[in-house]
Amino acid sequence: ALPVFRLRLGFDCDGVAFDEVEKMIYTSNGEGNVTAIKEDDKDKFKVIETIPTLASARTLTIDKKSNTLYLPAANVEPGEGGERGKVKPGTFEVLVVK
């Protein structure tokens, strides 16, 4: 089956959250941003905003009551040979996006 709709998201999408009340989809992308997408109807979507985060903020969750996103993140040293870099000690944080 063909997709109903295609949108360009950030590179290396790793997480998705949906707020059914606000009809918003959020994707966390490995390039260091969140894509906010509005569902206008079941077959119509549009990118509303690209929100900068950190490249390590690849997982997300949403508090649907407050429409707040939470993304764990840390500063990461560059990896070698295609491997993921190591987390720099003491840099863990939770990003909060409203």
PDB file of N, CA and C in Angstrom:
ATOM      1  N   ALA A   1       0.843  -1.188   0.000  1.00  0.00           N
ATOM      2  CA  ALA A   1       0.000   0.000   0.000  1.00  0.00           C
ATOM      3  C   ALA A   1       0.884   1.246   0.000  1.00  0.00           C
ATOM      4  N   LEU A   2       0.460   2.239  -0.706  1.00  0.00           N
ATOM      5  CA  LEU A   2       1.185   3.508  -0.746  1.00  0.00           C
ATOM      6  C   LEU A   2       0.850   4.339   0.489  1.00  0.00           C
ATOM      7  N   PRO A   3       1.803   5.132   0.967  1.00  0.00           N
ATOM      8  CA  PRO A   3       1.498   5.997   2.117  1.00  0.00           C
ATOM      9  C   PRO A   3       0.450   7.032   1.757  1.00  0.00           C
ATOM     10  N   VAL A   4      -0.327   7.421   2.752  1.00  0.00           N
ATOM     11  CA  VAL A   4      -1.354   8.445   2.554  1.00  0.00           C
ATOM     12  C   VAL A   4      -0.701   9.793   2.305  1.00  0.00           C
ATOM     13  N   PHE A   5       0.409  10.051   2.999  1.00  0.00           N
ATOM     14  CA  PHE A   5       1.033  11.364   2.942  1.00  0.00           C
ATOM     15  C   PHE A   5       2.502  11.226   3.311  1.00  0.00           C
ATOM     16  N   ARG A   6       3.366  12.027   2.699  1.00  0.00           N
ATOM     17  CA  ARG A   6       4.792  12.020   3.041  1.00  0.00           C
ATOM     18  C   ARG A   6       5.239  13.430   3.395  1.00  0.00           C
ATOM     19  N   LEU A   7       6.055  13.503   4.447  1.00  0.00           N
ATOM     20  CA  LEU A   7       6.648  14.774   4.869  1.00  0.00           C
ATOM     21  C   LEU A   7       8.132  14.564   5.086  1.00  0.00           C
ATOM     22  N   ARG A   8       8.905  15.609   4.891  1.00  0.00           N
ATOM     23  CA  ARG A   8      10.342  15.538   5.172  1.00  0.00           C
ATOM     24  C   ARG A   8      10.552  15.856   6.645  1.00  0.00           C
ATOM     25  N   LEU A   9      11.143  14.890   7.344  1.00  0.00           N
ATOM     26  CA  LEU A   9      11.463  15.059   8.755  1.00  0.00           C
ATOM     27  C   LEU A   9      12.960  15.287   8.883  1.00  0.00           C
ATOM     28  N   GLY A  10      13.398  15.488  10.094  1.00  0.00           N
ATOM     29  CA  GLY A  10      14.822  15.561  10.331  1.00  0.00           C
ATOM     30  C   GLY A  10      15.469  14.210  10.077  1.00  0.00           C
ATOM     31  N   PHE A  11      16.779  14.194   9.896  1.00  0.00           N
ATOM     32  CA  PHE A  11      17.525  12.978   9.612  1.00  0.00           C
ATOM     33  C   PHE A  11      17.545  12.044  10.810  1.00  0.00           C
ATOM     34  N   ASP A  12      17.425  10.760  10.562  1.00  0.00           N
ATOM     35  CA  ASP A  12      17.597   9.709  11.567  1.00  0.00           C
ATOM     36  C   ASP A  12      16.569   9.818  12.697  1.00  0.00           C
ATOM     37  N   CYS A  13      15.301   9.857  12.338  1.00  0.00           N
ATOM     38  CA  CYS A  13      14.215   9.915  13.317  1.00  0.00           C
ATOM     39  C   CYS A  13      14.265   8.682  14.216  1.00  0.00           C
ATOM     40  N   ASP A  14      14.175   8.911  15.520  1.00  0.00           N
ATOM     41  CA  ASP A  14      14.286   7.811  16.474  1.00  0.00           C
ATOM     42  C   ASP A  14      13.073   7.700  17.387  1.00  0.00           C
ATOM     43  N   GLY A  15      12.320   8.763  17.563  1.00  0.00           N
ATOM     44  CA  GLY A  15      11.176   8.727  18.464  1.00  0.00           C
ATOM     45  C   GLY A  15      10.012   9.520  17.903  1.00  0.00           C
ATOM     46  N   VAL A  16       8.796   9.090  18.279  1.00  0.00           N
ATOM     47  CA  VAL A  16       7.580   9.772  17.825  1.00  0.00           C
ATOM     48  C   VAL A  16       6.601   9.846  18.986  1.00  0.00           C
ATOM     49  N   ALA A  17       5.955  10.992  19.137  1.00  0.00           N
ATOM     50  CA  ALA A  17       4.890  11.160  20.131  1.00  0.00           C
ATOM     51  C   ALA A  17       3.711  11.836  19.442  1.00  0.00           C
ATOM     52  N   PHE A  18       2.492  11.486  19.866  1.00  0.00           N
ATOM     53  CA  PHE A  18       1.287  12.064  19.268  1.00  0.00           C
ATOM     54  C   PHE A  18       0.393  12.615  20.357  1.00  0.00           C
ATOM     55  N   ASP A  19      -0.020  13.855  20.191  1.00  0.00           N
ATOM     56  CA  ASP A  19      -0.982  14.497  21.086  1.00  0.00           C
ATOM     57  C   ASP A  19      -2.316  14.511  20.356  1.00  0.00           C
ATOM     58  N   GLU A  20      -3.207  13.578  20.724  1.00  0.00           N
ATOM     59  CA  GLU A  20      -4.473  13.455  20.000  1.00  0.00           C
ATOM     60  C   GLU A  20      -5.432  14.621  20.236  1.00  0.00           C
ATOM     61  N   VAL A  21      -5.285  15.326  21.347  1.00  0.00           N
ATOM     62  CA  VAL A  21      -6.147  16.479  21.598  1.00  0.00           C
ATOM     63  C   VAL A  21      -5.761  17.646  20.688  1.00  0.00           C
ATOM     64  N   GLU A  22      -4.474  17.963  20.631  1.00  0.00           N
ATOM     65  CA  GLU A  22      -3.985  19.068  19.805  1.00  0.00           C
ATOM     66  C   GLU A  22      -3.740  18.645  18.355  1.00  0.00           C
ATOM     67  N   LYS A  23      -3.818  17.327  18.082  1.00  0.00           N
ATOM     68  CA  LYS A  23      -3.559  16.775  16.738  1.00  0.00           C
ATOM     69  C   LYS A  23      -2.157  17.133  16.259  1.00  0.00           C
ATOM     70  N   MET A  24      -1.174  16.929  17.159  1.00  0.00           N
ATOM     71  CA  MET A  24       0.220  17.228  16.855  1.00  0.00           C
ATOM     72  C   MET A  24       1.051  15.951  16.944  1.00  0.00           C
ATOM     73  N   ILE A  25       1.950  15.803  15.987  1.00  0.00           N
ATOM     74  CA  ILE A  25       2.917  14.707  15.970  1.00  0.00           C
ATOM     75  C   ILE A  25       4.294  15.331  16.171  1.00  0.00           C
ATOM     76  N   TYR A  26       5.109  14.706  17.012  1.00  0.00           N
ATOM     77  CA  TYR A  26       6.464  15.195  17.267  1.00  0.00           C
ATOM     78  C   TYR A  26       7.441  14.058  16.996  1.00  0.00           C
ATOM     79  N   THR A  27       8.498  14.343  16.232  1.00  0.00           N
ATOM     80  CA  THR A  27       9.532  13.344  15.983  1.00  0.00           C
ATOM     81  C   THR A  27      10.864  13.866  16.518  1.00  0.00           C
ATOM     82  N   SER A  28      11.598  13.004  17.232  1.00  0.00           N
ATOM     83  CA  SER A  28      12.942  13.382  17.679  1.00  0.00           C
ATOM     84  C   SER A  28      13.926  12.835  16.661  1.00  0.00           C
ATOM     85  N   ASN A  29      14.821  13.704  16.199  1.00  0.00           N
ATOM     86  CA  ASN A  29      15.694  13.379  15.083  1.00  0.00           C
ATOM     87  C   ASN A  29      17.154  13.422  15.509  1.00  0.00           C
ATOM     88  N   GLY A  30      17.937  12.467  15.018  1.00  0.00           N
ATOM     89  CA  GLY A  30      19.324  12.311  15.406  1.00  0.00           C
ATOM     90  C   GLY A  30      20.221  13.471  15.035  1.00  0.00           C
ATOM     91  N   GLU A  31      19.755  14.351  14.158  1.00  0.00           N
ATOM     92  CA  GLU A  31      20.581  15.509  13.795  1.00  0.00           C
ATOM     93  C   GLU A  31      20.480  16.626  14.824  1.00  0.00           C
ATOM     94  N   GLY A  32      19.621  16.438  15.835  1.00  0.00           N
ATOM     95  CA  GLY A  32      19.530  17.419  16.912  1.00  0.00           C
ATOM     96  C   GLY A  32      18.349  18.349  16.813  1.00  0.00           C
ATOM     97  N   ASN A  33      17.176  17.798  16.495  1.00  0.00           N
ATOM     98  CA  ASN A  33      15.973  18.627  16.479  1.00  0.00           C
ATOM     99  C   ASN A  33      14.724  17.771  16.645  1.00  0.00           C
ATOM    100  N   VAL A  34      13.618  18.456  16.870  1.00  0.00           N
ATOM    101  CA  VAL A  34      12.288  17.840  16.920  1.00  0.00           C
ATOM    102  C   VAL A  34      11.473  18.475  15.802  1.00  0.00           C
ATOM    103  N   THR A  35      10.798  17.633  15.021  1.00  0.00           N
ATOM    104  CA  THR A  35       9.892  18.134  13.990  1.00  0.00           C
ATOM    105  C   THR A  35       8.480  18.112  14.558  1.00  0.00           C
ATOM    106  N   ALA A  36       7.779  19.257  14.514  1.00  0.00           N
ATOM    107  CA  ALA A  36       6.398  19.371  14.977  1.00  0.00           C
ATOM    108  C   ALA A  36       5.485  19.390  13.757  1.00  0.00           C
ATOM    109  N   ILE A  37       4.542  18.448  13.713  1.00  0.00           N
ATOM    110  CA  ILE A  37       3.666  18.269  12.556  1.00  0.00           C
ATOM    111  C   ILE A  37       2.222  18.371  13.009  1.00  0.00           C
ATOM    112  N   LYS A  38       1.437  19.163  12.322  1.00  0.00           N
ATOM    113  CA  LYS A  38       0.019  19.336  12.632  1.00  0.00           C
ATOM    114  C   LYS A  38      -0.817  18.438  11.727  1.00  0.00           C
ATOM    115  N   GLU A  39      -1.732  17.677  12.316  1.00  0.00           N
ATOM    116  CA  GLU A  39      -2.689  16.888  11.546  1.00  0.00           C
ATOM    117  C   GLU A  39      -3.929  17.748  11.324  1.00  0.00           C
ATOM    118  N   ASP A  40      -4.119  18.220  10.099  1.00  0.00           N
ATOM    119  CA  ASP A  40      -5.307  19.025   9.788  1.00  0.00           C
ATOM    120  C   ASP A  40      -6.544  18.146   9.630  1.00  0.00           C
ATOM    121  N   ASP A  41      -6.397  17.010   8.982  1.00  0.00           N
ATOM    122  CA  ASP A  41      -7.427  15.977   8.925  1.00  0.00           C
ATOM    123  C   ASP A  41      -6.721  14.659   8.666  1.00  0.00           C
ATOM    124  N   LYS A  42      -7.459  13.568   8.513  1.00  0.00           N
ATOM    125  CA  LYS A  42      -6.831  12.246   8.444  1.00  0.00           C
ATOM    126  C   LYS A  42      -5.879  12.069   7.271  1.00  0.00           C
ATOM    127  N   ASP A  43      -5.981  12.905   6.254  1.00  0.00           N
ATOM    128  CA  ASP A  43      -5.112  12.800   5.083  1.00  0.00           C
ATOM    129  C   ASP A  43      -4.301  14.062   4.814  1.00  0.00           C
ATOM    130  N   LYS A  44      -4.265  14.999   5.770  1.00  0.00           N
ATOM    131  CA  LYS A  44      -3.555  16.252   5.531  1.00  0.00           C
ATOM    132  C   LYS A  44      -2.730  16.636   6.759  1.00  0.00           C
ATOM    133  N   PHE A  45      -1.414  16.781   6.538  1.00  0.00           N
ATOM    134  CA  PHE A  45      -0.467  17.108   7.591  1.00  0.00           C
ATOM    135  C   PHE A  45       0.460  18.207   7.097  1.00  0.00           C
ATOM    136  N   LYS A  46       0.996  19.004   8.026  1.00  0.00           N
ATOM    137  CA  LYS A  46       1.984  20.011   7.634  1.00  0.00           C
ATOM    138  C   LYS A  46       2.988  20.209   8.760  1.00  0.00           C
ATOM    139  N   VAL A  47       4.253  20.427   8.360  1.00  0.00           N
ATOM    140  CA  VAL A  47       5.293  20.714   9.332  1.00  0.00           C
ATOM    141  C   VAL A  47       5.087  22.132   9.841  1.00  0.00           C
ATOM    142  N   ILE A  48       4.946  22.263  11.149  1.00  0.00           N
ATOM    143  CA  ILE A  48       4.714  23.561  11.782  1.00  0.00           C
ATOM    144  C   ILE A  48       6.032  24.215  12.186  1.00  0.00           C
ATOM    145  N   GLU A  49       6.945  23.391  12.716  1.00  0.00           N
ATOM    146  CA  GLU A  49       8.169  23.955  13.277  1.00  0.00           C
ATOM    147  C   GLU A  49       9.238  22.872  13.393  1.00  0.00           C
ATOM    148  N   THR A  50      10.489  23.279  13.287  1.00  0.00           N
ATOM    149  CA  THR A  50      11.624  22.425  13.612  1.00  0.00           C
ATOM    150  C   THR A  50      12.310  23.048  14.819  1.00  0.00           C
ATOM    151  N   ILE A  51      12.345  22.303  15.915  1.00  0.00           N
ATOM    152  CA  ILE A  51      12.812  22.815  17.200  1.00  0.00           C
ATOM    153  C   ILE A  51      14.209  22.261  17.474  1.00  0.00           C
ATOM    154  N   PRO A  52      15.217  23.110  17.651  1.00  0.00           N
ATOM    155  CA  PRO A  52      16.566  22.611  17.925  1.00  0.00           C
ATOM    156  C   PRO A  52      16.652  21.953  19.305  1.00  0.00           C
ATOM    157  N   THR A  53      17.387  20.832  19.364  1.00  0.00           N
ATOM    158  CA  THR A  53      17.640  20.139  20.632  1.00  0.00           C
ATOM    159  C   THR A  53      19.127  19.793  20.662  1.00  0.00           C
ATOM    160  N   LEU A  54      19.464  18.564  20.964  1.00  0.00           N
ATOM    161  CA  LEU A  54      20.832  18.036  20.883  1.00  0.00           C
ATOM    162  C   LEU A  54      20.795  16.748  20.081  1.00  0.00           C
ATOM    163  N   ALA A  55      21.888  16.421  19.421  1.00  0.00           N
ATOM    164  CA  ALA A  55      21.930  15.195  18.615  1.00  0.00           C
ATOM    165  C   ALA A  55      21.668  13.951  19.453  1.00  0.00           C
ATOM    166  N   SER A  56      21.994  13.994  20.737  1.00  0.00           N
ATOM    167  CA  SER A  56      21.763  12.828  21.597  1.00  0.00           C
ATOM    168  C   SER A  56      20.322  12.738  22.106  1.00  0.00           C
ATOM    169  N   ALA A  57      19.497  13.744  21.858  1.00  0.00           N
ATOM    170  CA  ALA A  57      18.101  13.756  22.322  1.00  0.00           C
ATOM    171  C   ALA A  57      17.232  13.004  21.311  1.00  0.00           C
ATOM    172  N   ARG A  58      17.389  11.685  21.313  1.00  0.00           N
ATOM    173  CA  ARG A  58      16.735  10.857  20.302  1.00  0.00           C
ATOM    174  C   ARG A  58      15.466  10.175  20.823  1.00  0.00           C
ATOM    175  N   THR A  59      15.277  10.177  22.112  1.00  0.00           N
ATOM    176  CA  THR A  59      14.106   9.560  22.723  1.00  0.00           C
ATOM    177  C   THR A  59      13.225  10.675  23.271  1.00  0.00           C
ATOM    178  N   LEU A  60      11.906  10.527  23.151  1.00  0.00           N
ATOM    179  CA  LEU A  60      11.039  11.558  23.711  1.00  0.00           C
ATOM    180  C   LEU A  60       9.771  10.956  24.268  1.00  0.00           C
ATOM    181  N   THR A  61       9.175  11.709  25.163  1.00  0.00           N
ATOM    182  CA  THR A  61       7.854  11.387  25.670  1.00  0.00           C
ATOM    183  C   THR A  61       7.094  12.694  25.792  1.00  0.00           C
ATOM    184  N   ILE A  62       5.774  12.592  25.919  1.00  0.00           N
ATOM    185  CA  ILE A  62       4.941  13.797  25.984  1.00  0.00           C
ATOM    186  C   ILE A  62       4.015  13.711  27.184  1.00  0.00           C
ATOM    187  N   ASP A  63       3.873  14.834  27.873  1.00  0.00           N
ATOM    188  CA  ASP A  63       2.838  15.002  28.894  1.00  0.00           C
ATOM    189  C   ASP A  63       1.666  15.627  28.154  1.00  0.00           C
ATOM    190  N   LYS A  64       0.651  14.844  27.889  1.00  0.00           N
ATOM    191  CA  LYS A  64      -0.464  15.304  27.054  1.00  0.00           C
ATOM    192  C   LYS A  64      -1.328  16.360  27.745  1.00  0.00           C
ATOM    193  N   LYS A  65      -1.296  16.413  29.063  1.00  0.00           N
ATOM    194  CA  LYS A  65      -2.075  17.430  29.767  1.00  0.00           C
ATOM    195  C   LYS A  65      -1.496  18.823  29.567  1.00  0.00           C
ATOM    196  N   SER A  66      -0.168  18.921  29.545  1.00  0.00           N
ATOM    197  CA  SER A  66       0.470  20.234  29.411  1.00  0.00           C
ATOM    198  C   SER A  66       1.093  20.452  28.035  1.00  0.00           C
ATOM    199  N   ASN A  67       0.988  19.433  27.162  1.00  0.00           N
ATOM    200  CA  ASN A  67       1.587  19.491  25.821  1.00  0.00           C
ATOM    201  C   ASN A  67       3.075  19.826  25.918  1.00  0.00           C
ATOM    202  N   THR A  68       3.756  19.130  26.831  1.00  0.00           N
ATOM    203  CA  THR A  68       5.178  19.334  27.060  1.00  0.00           C
ATOM    204  C   THR A  68       5.941  18.081  26.656  1.00  0.00           C
ATOM    205  N   LEU A  69       7.036  18.274  25.912  1.00  0.00           N
ATOM    206  CA  LEU A  69       7.906  17.168  25.514  1.00  0.00           C
ATOM    207  C   LEU A  69       9.093  17.088  26.457  1.00  0.00           C
ATOM    208  N   TYR A  70       9.545  15.866  26.728  1.00  0.00           N
ATOM    209  CA  TYR A  70      10.727  15.618  27.541  1.00  0.00           C
ATOM    210  C   TYR A  70      11.672  14.728  26.745  1.00  0.00           C
ATOM    211  N   LEU A  71      12.936  15.146  26.629  1.00  0.00           N
ATOM    212  CA  LEU A  71      13.939  14.412  25.867  1.00  0.00           C
ATOM    213  C   LEU A  71      15.212  14.268  26.695  1.00  0.00           C
ATOM    214  N   PRO A  72      15.610  13.048  27.071  1.00  0.00           N
ATOM    215  CA  PRO A  72      16.897  12.888  27.753  1.00  0.00           C
ATOM    216  C   PRO A  72      18.036  13.139  26.768  1.00  0.00           C
ATOM    217  N   ALA A  73      19.096  13.779  27.230  1.00  0.00           N
ATOM    218  CA  ALA A  73      20.210  14.122  26.342  1.00  0.00           C
ATOM    219  C   ALA A  73      21.498  14.267  27.146  1.00  0.00           C
ATOM    220  N   ALA A  74      22.604  14.264  26.434  1.00  0.00           N
ATOM    221  CA  ALA A  74      23.916  14.492  27.038  1.00  0.00           C
ATOM    222  C   ALA A  74      24.865  14.936  25.936  1.00  0.00           C
ATOM    223  N   ASN A  75      25.957  15.566  26.323  1.00  0.00           N
ATOM    224  CA  ASN A  75      26.992  15.897  25.345  1.00  0.00           C
ATOM    225  C   ASN A  75      27.760  14.620  25.031  1.00  0.00           C
ATOM    226  N   VAL A  76      28.065  14.428  23.751  1.00  0.00           N
ATOM    227  CA  VAL A  76      28.702  13.193  23.302  1.00  0.00           C
ATOM    228  C   VAL A  76      29.982  13.526  22.543  1.00  0.00           C
ATOM    229  N   GLU A  77      31.038  12.772  22.830  1.00  0.00           N
ATOM    230  CA  GLU A  77      32.286  12.927  22.088  1.00  0.00           C
ATOM    231  C   GLU A  77      32.124  12.275  20.723  1.00  0.00           C
ATOM    232  N   PRO A  78      32.795  12.786  19.694  1.00  0.00           N
ATOM    233  CA  PRO A  78      32.683  12.170  18.368  1.00  0.00           C
ATOM    234  C   PRO A  78      33.122  10.704  18.398  1.00  0.00           C
ATOM    235  N   GLY A  79      32.383   9.842  17.676  1.00  0.00           N
ATOM    236  CA  GLY A  79      32.737   8.429  17.582  1.00  0.00           C
ATOM    237  C   GLY A  79      33.779   8.205  16.497  1.00  0.00           C
ATOM    238  N   GLU A  80      34.383   7.037  16.526  1.00  0.00           N
ATOM    239  CA  GLU A  80      35.387   6.687  15.523  1.00  0.00           C
ATOM    240  C   GLU A  80      34.913   5.481  14.724  1.00  0.00           C
ATOM    241  N   GLY A  81      35.236   5.470  13.438  1.00  0.00           N
ATOM    242  CA  GLY A  81      34.912   4.322  12.605  1.00  0.00           C
ATOM    243  C   GLY A  81      33.434   4.018  12.507  1.00  0.00           C
ATOM    244  N   GLY A  82      32.602   5.045  12.524  1.00  0.00           N
ATOM    245  CA  GLY A  82      31.159   4.847  12.417  1.00  0.00           C
ATOM    246  C   GLY A  82      30.481   4.460  13.712  1.00  0.00           C
ATOM    247  N   GLU A  83      31.243   4.359  14.803  1.00  0.00           N
ATOM    248  CA  GLU A  83      30.653   4.016  16.098  1.00  0.00           C
ATOM    249  C   GLU A  83      30.087   5.255  16.771  1.00  0.00           C
ATOM    250  N   ARG A  84      29.094   5.041  17.586  1.00  0.00           N
ATOM    251  CA  ARG A  84      28.494   6.129  18.354  1.00  0.00           C
ATOM    252  C   ARG A  84      29.496   6.617  19.389  1.00  0.00           C
ATOM    253  N   GLY A  85      29.581   7.923  19.579  1.00  0.00           N
ATOM    254  CA  GLY A  85      30.512   8.499  20.538  1.00  0.00           C
ATOM    255  C   GLY A  85      30.112   8.231  21.980  1.00  0.00           C
ATOM    256  N   LYS A  86      31.050   8.426  22.890  1.00  0.00           N
ATOM    257  CA  LYS A  86      30.805   8.206  24.309  1.00  0.00           C
ATOM    258  C   LYS A  86      30.250   9.471  24.949  1.00  0.00           C
ATOM    259  N   VAL A  87      29.384   9.272  25.919  1.00  0.00           N
ATOM    260  CA  VAL A  87      28.785  10.381  26.659  1.00  0.00           C
ATOM    261  C   VAL A  87      29.843  11.019  27.540  1.00  0.00           C
ATOM    262  N   LYS A  88      29.883  12.343  27.537  1.00  0.00           N
ATOM    263  CA  LYS A  88      30.802  13.070  28.412  1.00  0.00           C
ATOM    264  C   LYS A  88      30.231  13.048  29.830  1.00  0.00           C
ATOM    265  N   PRO A  89      31.002  12.612  30.801  1.00  0.00           N
ATOM    266  CA  PRO A  89      30.509  12.529  32.178  1.00  0.00           C
ATOM    267  C   PRO A  89      29.973  13.873  32.685  1.00  0.00           C
ATOM    268  N   GLY A  90      28.892  13.810  33.440  1.00  0.00           N
ATOM    269  CA  GLY A  90      28.328  15.007  34.068  1.00  0.00           C
ATOM    270  C   GLY A  90      27.515  15.889  33.155  1.00  0.00           C
ATOM    271  N   THR A  91      27.192  15.408  31.944  1.00  0.00           N
ATOM    272  CA  THR A  91      26.457  16.273  31.003  1.00  0.00           C
ATOM    273  C   THR A  91      25.011  15.842  30.783  1.00  0.00           C
ATOM    274  N   PHE A  92      24.561  14.802  31.476  1.00  0.00           N
ATOM    275  CA  PHE A  92      23.171  14.336  31.287  1.00  0.00           C
ATOM    276  C   PHE A  92      22.186  15.418  31.713  1.00  0.00           C
ATOM    277  N   GLU A  93      21.156  15.595  30.907  1.00  0.00           N
ATOM    278  CA  GLU A  93      20.071  16.531  31.236  1.00  0.00           C
ATOM    279  C   GLU A  93      18.789  16.069  30.564  1.00  0.00           C
ATOM    280  N   VAL A  94      17.675  16.597  31.003  1.00  0.00           N
ATOM    281  CA  VAL A  94      16.403  16.345  30.357  1.00  0.00           C
ATOM    282  C   VAL A  94      15.956  17.663  29.740  1.00  0.00           C
ATOM    283  N   LEU A  95      15.825  17.660  28.418  1.00  0.00           N
ATOM    284  CA  LEU A  95      15.352  18.852  27.710  1.00  0.00           C
ATOM    285  C   LEU A  95      13.841  18.926  27.827  1.00  0.00           C
ATOM    286  N   VAL A  96      13.314  20.106  28.056  1.00  0.00           N
ATOM    287  CA  VAL A  96      11.881  20.320  28.194  1.00  0.00           C
ATOM    288  C   VAL A  96      11.449  21.268  27.093  1.00  0.00           C
ATOM    289  N   VAL A  97      10.499  20.827  26.270  1.00  0.00           N
ATOM    290  CA  VAL A  97      10.022  21.625  25.140  1.00  0.00           C
ATOM    291  C   VAL A  97       8.518  21.824  25.304  1.00  0.00           C
ATOM    292  N   LYS A  98       8.090  23.096  25.389  1.00  0.00           N
ATOM    293  CA  LYS A  98       6.659  23.410  25.514  1.00  0.00           C
ATOM    294  C   LYS A  98       6.141  23.955  24.224  1.00  0.00           C
TER     295      LYS A  98
END
